[in-house]
Amino acid sequence: THDAAPAILPAPHGGMPMNGSNHHPLRTLVVLPLLALALSLSPASAARAASPEHAASANKASAAETRMAMRKLWEDHITYTRNYIISALGGLGDADAVAARLMKNQEDIGNAIKPYYGDAAGDKLTALLKEHIQQAGVVVGAAKAGDKAKLAAEQAKWSANGKQIADFLAGANPNWKKAELESMLQKHLDLTTGEVVGRLNKDWAADQRSYDAGHEH
C-alpha cells in the first residue's frame, strides 16, 4: 500500500509548491516554453513573443499538445490491457511480452506528469498504476479459473486500488474531484471486466461493446 498523496506537491526544480490558488500545472507548461523562446529571440521578437496575443496563442497550442500526448498514453493503456486480456485468456505465447509493454505504459504515464508535479509524484503514480495492472492480471486469472469467491475478493482489491489512484490525483490537483475520479476509475474497471467476461463466455458482441465503451470512456 501507499500513503495518500499530499494536498500540495513540490514543484519541479525546487520551485514553489503547486496548489489550486497560485500555480496551476498548465501554467507551468505554458510559461516555461515561452520563457525559453523569449530568451532565444531578438529583443523585438521577444517582445512580440511576450505579448498577450502571442501568449494566448501559445497557451492554446501547448495545452492542446499536452492533452493529445496524455490521450495517447491512455489509449495505449486500454489497448495493451485489451491485448493482454486476449493473450492471457487465449493462452497465447505473447502474454508475458504484452504484460511487460503494459507495465511500461504505467511508467510512461508517471513520467509524463513529472515536469509539472515533480519526480516523487510521477513515481508515486507509476507505482499505483502498476498495482492496478498487477491486480488486473490476478482478476483475469481468477475469472479464467472460474473461482467466483477469489474473483470477488480480487475485484474488491482492484477497486480499492482505484480509490487510491483517485485520492492521489485529487490531492495532486484540486480541480479534480475525488468522488468523480473514483466513479470514473470504477467504470474503467467495470468495462474492462466486461471484456473479460464477454471473451470467457465467447460472447464476442458483448466483448466488443465493453471495449468500445471503455475506449469512449
Protein backbone atom coordinates (compact mmCIF):
# COMPACT_ATOMS: atom_id res chain seq x y z
CA THR A 1 0.00 0.00 0.00
CA HIS A 2 0.99 3.62 -0.43
CA ASP A 3 0.43 6.70 1.70
CA ALA A 4 -2.10 9.19 0.40
CA ALA A 5 -0.59 11.93 -1.72
CA PRO A 6 -0.09 15.30 -0.01
CA ALA A 7 -2.57 18.03 -0.80
CA ILE A 8 0.27 20.18 -2.13
CA LEU A 9 3.03 18.59 -4.18
CA PRO A 10 6.51 20.04 -4.60
CA ALA A 11 7.16 21.82 -7.86
CA PRO A 12 9.99 20.59 -10.08
CA HIS A 13 13.47 22.05 -9.66
CA GLY A 14 12.75 23.24 -6.11
CA GLY A 15 10.17 25.81 -7.20
CA MET A 16 7.09 26.94 -5.36
CA PRO A 17 4.65 24.19 -4.37
CA MET A 18 1.76 23.63 -6.73
CA ASN A 19 -1.72 24.26 -5.47
CA GLY A 20 -5.01 25.47 -6.86
CA SER A 21 -4.57 29.08 -5.79
CA ASN A 22 -1.29 30.19 -7.32
CA HIS A 23 0.26 27.58 -9.60
CA HIS A 24 -1.80 25.50 -11.99
CA PRO A 25 0.20 22.79 -13.85
CA LEU A 26 -0.84 24.04 -17.27
CA ARG A 27 0.51 27.45 -16.32
CA THR A 28 3.94 25.86 -15.80
CA LEU A 29 3.52 24.04 -19.09
CA VAL A 30 2.99 27.31 -20.91
CA VAL A 31 5.27 29.74 -19.07
CA LEU A 32 8.50 27.72 -19.23
CA PRO A 33 8.45 27.15 -23.03
CA LEU A 34 7.56 30.80 -23.59
CA LEU A 35 10.40 31.93 -21.35
CA ALA A 36 12.87 29.73 -23.22
CA LEU A 37 11.55 31.04 -26.53
CA ALA A 38 11.82 34.67 -25.42
CA LEU A 39 15.43 34.18 -24.30
CA SER A 40 16.35 32.80 -27.71
CA LEU A 41 14.89 35.71 -29.71
CA SER A 42 15.99 39.23 -30.51
CA PRO A 43 14.63 41.94 -28.16
CA ALA A 44 11.95 42.93 -30.69
CA SER A 45 10.94 39.34 -31.32
CA ALA A 46 10.98 38.61 -27.60
CA ALA A 47 8.61 41.49 -27.00
CA ARG A 48 6.20 40.08 -29.55
CA ALA A 49 6.51 36.60 -28.03
CA ALA A 50 5.64 38.00 -24.61
CA SER A 51 2.61 39.91 -25.88
CA PRO A 52 -0.79 38.82 -24.55
CA GLU A 53 -1.99 37.82 -28.02
CA HIS A 54 1.06 35.66 -28.72
CA ALA A 55 0.98 34.17 -25.24
CA ALA A 56 -2.71 33.24 -25.61
CA SER A 57 -1.99 31.50 -28.92
CA ALA A 58 0.98 29.62 -27.44
CA ASN A 59 -1.07 28.69 -24.36
CA LYS A 60 -3.73 27.13 -26.55
CA ALA A 61 -1.21 25.18 -28.61
CA SER A 62 0.69 23.94 -25.57
CA ALA A 63 -2.46 22.87 -23.73
CA ALA A 64 -3.73 21.05 -26.82
CA GLU A 65 -0.40 19.30 -27.35
CA THR A 66 -0.28 18.19 -23.73
CA ARG A 67 -3.84 16.92 -23.88
CA MET A 68 -3.13 14.91 -27.03
CA ALA A 69 0.05 13.44 -25.56
CA MET A 70 -1.82 12.30 -22.45
CA ARG A 71 -4.67 10.88 -24.55
CA LYS A 72 -2.09 8.81 -26.47
CA LEU A 73 -0.77 7.35 -23.21
CA TRP A 74 -4.25 6.41 -22.01
CA GLU A 75 -5.08 4.99 -25.45
CA ASP A 76 -2.03 2.76 -25.00
CA HIS A 77 -3.34 1.84 -21.56
CA ILE A 78 -6.66 0.46 -22.77
CA THR A 79 -5.21 -1.03 -25.97
CA TYR A 80 -2.48 -3.04 -24.28
CA THR A 81 -4.88 -4.02 -21.50
CA ARG A 82 -7.16 -5.48 -24.15
CA ASN A 83 -4.23 -7.19 -25.85
CA TYR A 84 -3.28 -8.76 -22.53
CA ILE A 85 -6.83 -9.98 -21.89
CA ILE A 86 -6.93 -11.64 -25.32
CA SER A 87 -3.48 -13.22 -24.92
CA ALA A 88 -3.92 -14.35 -21.31
CA LEU A 89 -7.36 -15.86 -21.80
CA GLY A 90 -6.31 -17.46 -25.08
CA GLY A 91 -3.08 -18.90 -23.69
CA LEU A 92 -1.06 -17.13 -26.37
CA GLY A 93 2.71 -17.06 -26.29
CA ASP A 94 2.96 -13.27 -26.22
CA ALA A 95 1.11 -12.79 -22.92
CA ASP A 96 4.27 -12.01 -20.92
CA ALA A 97 5.57 -9.66 -23.61
CA VAL A 98 2.26 -7.80 -23.72
CA ALA A 99 2.25 -7.58 -19.91
CA ALA A 100 5.74 -6.06 -19.99
CA ARG A 101 4.65 -3.48 -22.57
CA LEU A 102 1.61 -2.66 -20.46
CA MET A 103 3.83 -2.10 -17.42
CA LYS A 104 5.99 0.27 -19.45
CA ASN A 105 2.87 2.29 -20.21
CA GLN A 106 2.43 2.92 -16.48
CA GLU A 107 5.99 4.25 -16.33
CA ASP A 108 5.28 6.47 -19.34
CA ILE A 109 2.20 7.95 -17.66
CA GLY A 110 4.10 8.61 -14.44
CA ASN A 111 6.99 10.20 -16.31
CA ALA A 112 4.58 12.44 -18.22
CA ILE A 113 3.49 14.27 -15.06
CA LYS A 114 6.96 14.74 -13.60
CA PRO A 115 7.65 18.12 -15.28
CA TYR A 116 4.54 19.54 -13.59
CA TYR A 117 4.30 17.71 -10.26
CA GLY A 118 7.86 16.52 -9.62
CA ASP A 119 9.70 13.20 -9.74
CA ALA A 120 8.25 11.86 -6.50
CA ALA A 121 4.69 12.39 -7.71
CA GLY A 122 5.43 10.74 -11.05
CA ASP A 123 6.99 7.72 -9.34
CA LYS A 124 4.02 7.51 -6.99
CA LEU A 125 1.52 7.47 -9.86
CA THR A 126 3.55 4.83 -11.70
CA ALA A 127 3.60 2.62 -8.60
CA LEU A 128 -0.17 2.92 -8.14
CA LEU A 129 -0.82 2.20 -11.82
CA LYS A 130 1.49 -0.81 -11.77
CA GLU A 131 -0.52 -2.16 -8.83
CA HIS A 132 -3.62 -1.57 -10.95
CA ILE A 133 -2.16 -3.69 -13.77
CA GLN A 134 -0.82 -6.41 -11.47
CA GLN A 135 -4.22 -6.70 -9.84
CA ALA A 136 -5.88 -6.83 -13.25
CA GLY A 137 -3.75 -9.87 -14.04
CA VAL A 138 -4.91 -11.58 -10.85
CA VAL A 139 -8.55 -10.76 -11.67
CA VAL A 140 -8.17 -12.20 -15.18
CA GLY A 141 -6.60 -15.35 -13.72
CA ALA A 142 -9.40 -15.83 -11.21
CA ALA A 143 -12.03 -15.29 -13.89
CA LYS A 144 -10.34 -17.78 -16.22
CA ALA A 145 -10.20 -20.36 -13.41
CA GLY A 146 -13.90 -19.88 -12.66
CA ASP A 147 -13.18 -19.23 -8.98
CA LYS A 148 -16.06 -16.90 -8.12
CA ALA A 149 -15.05 -16.35 -4.49
CA LYS A 150 -11.48 -15.43 -5.40
CA LEU A 151 -12.71 -13.28 -8.26
CA ALA A 152 -14.95 -11.24 -5.96
CA ALA A 153 -12.14 -10.79 -3.43
CA GLU A 154 -9.63 -9.73 -6.07
CA GLN A 155 -12.10 -7.33 -7.69
CA ALA A 156 -12.55 -5.67 -4.28
CA LYS A 157 -8.78 -5.17 -4.09
CA TRP A 158 -8.83 -3.79 -7.62
CA SER A 159 -11.49 -1.26 -6.63
CA ALA A 160 -9.50 -0.29 -3.52
CA ASN A 161 -6.51 0.46 -5.73
CA GLY A 162 -8.75 2.62 -7.92
CA LYS A 163 -9.70 4.64 -4.85
CA GLN A 164 -6.01 5.10 -4.01
CA ILE A 165 -5.36 6.43 -7.51
CA ALA A 166 -8.34 8.79 -7.20
CA ASP A 167 -7.07 10.00 -3.83
CA PHE A 168 -3.63 10.67 -5.27
CA LEU A 169 -4.93 12.56 -8.30
CA ALA A 170 -7.36 14.65 -6.26
CA GLY A 171 -4.55 15.53 -3.88
CA ALA A 172 -2.28 16.46 -6.77
CA ASN A 173 -4.74 18.82 -8.44
CA PRO A 174 -7.69 20.43 -6.61
CA ASN A 175 -9.50 20.85 -9.93
CA TRP A 176 -10.02 17.07 -9.99
CA LYS A 177 -12.77 15.96 -7.61
CA LYS A 178 -12.10 12.75 -5.72
CA ALA A 179 -15.67 11.39 -5.97
CA GLU A 180 -15.74 11.93 -9.74
CA LEU A 181 -12.35 10.26 -10.14
CA GLU A 182 -13.43 7.28 -8.06
CA SER A 183 -16.54 6.88 -10.21
CA MET A 184 -14.54 7.15 -13.45
CA LEU A 185 -11.91 4.65 -12.34
CA GLN A 186 -14.54 2.16 -11.17
CA LYS A 187 -16.29 2.50 -14.52
CA HIS A 188 -12.98 1.68 -16.21
CA LEU A 189 -12.68 -1.47 -14.07
CA ASP A 190 -16.28 -2.49 -14.80
CA LEU A 191 -15.85 -2.10 -18.54
CA THR A 192 -12.57 -4.00 -18.50
CA THR A 193 -14.27 -6.79 -16.56
CA GLY A 194 -16.97 -6.79 -19.24
CA GLU A 195 -14.32 -7.58 -21.83
CA VAL A 196 -13.03 -10.50 -19.74
CA VAL A 197 -16.48 -11.94 -19.12
CA GLY A 198 -17.52 -11.47 -22.75
CA ARG A 199 -14.49 -13.37 -24.02
CA LEU A 200 -14.82 -16.15 -21.43
CA ASN A 201 -18.43 -16.64 -22.50
CA LYS A 202 -17.46 -16.39 -26.17
CA ASP A 203 -19.94 -13.56 -26.41
CA TRP A 204 -17.91 -11.59 -28.90
CA ALA A 205 -20.53 -8.88 -29.33
CA ALA A 206 -20.55 -8.19 -25.57
CA ASP A 207 -16.76 -8.23 -25.53
CA GLN A 208 -16.60 -5.66 -28.31
CA ARG A 209 -19.29 -3.48 -26.73
CA SER A 210 -17.29 -3.36 -23.50
CA TYR A 211 -14.11 -2.38 -25.32
CA ASP A 212 -15.84 0.25 -27.43
CA ALA A 213 -17.50 1.71 -24.33
CA GLY A 214 -14.19 1.62 -22.49
CA HIS A 215 -12.47 3.39 -25.38
CA GLU A 216 -15.03 6.19 -25.34
CA HIS A 217 -14.88 6.34 -21.55
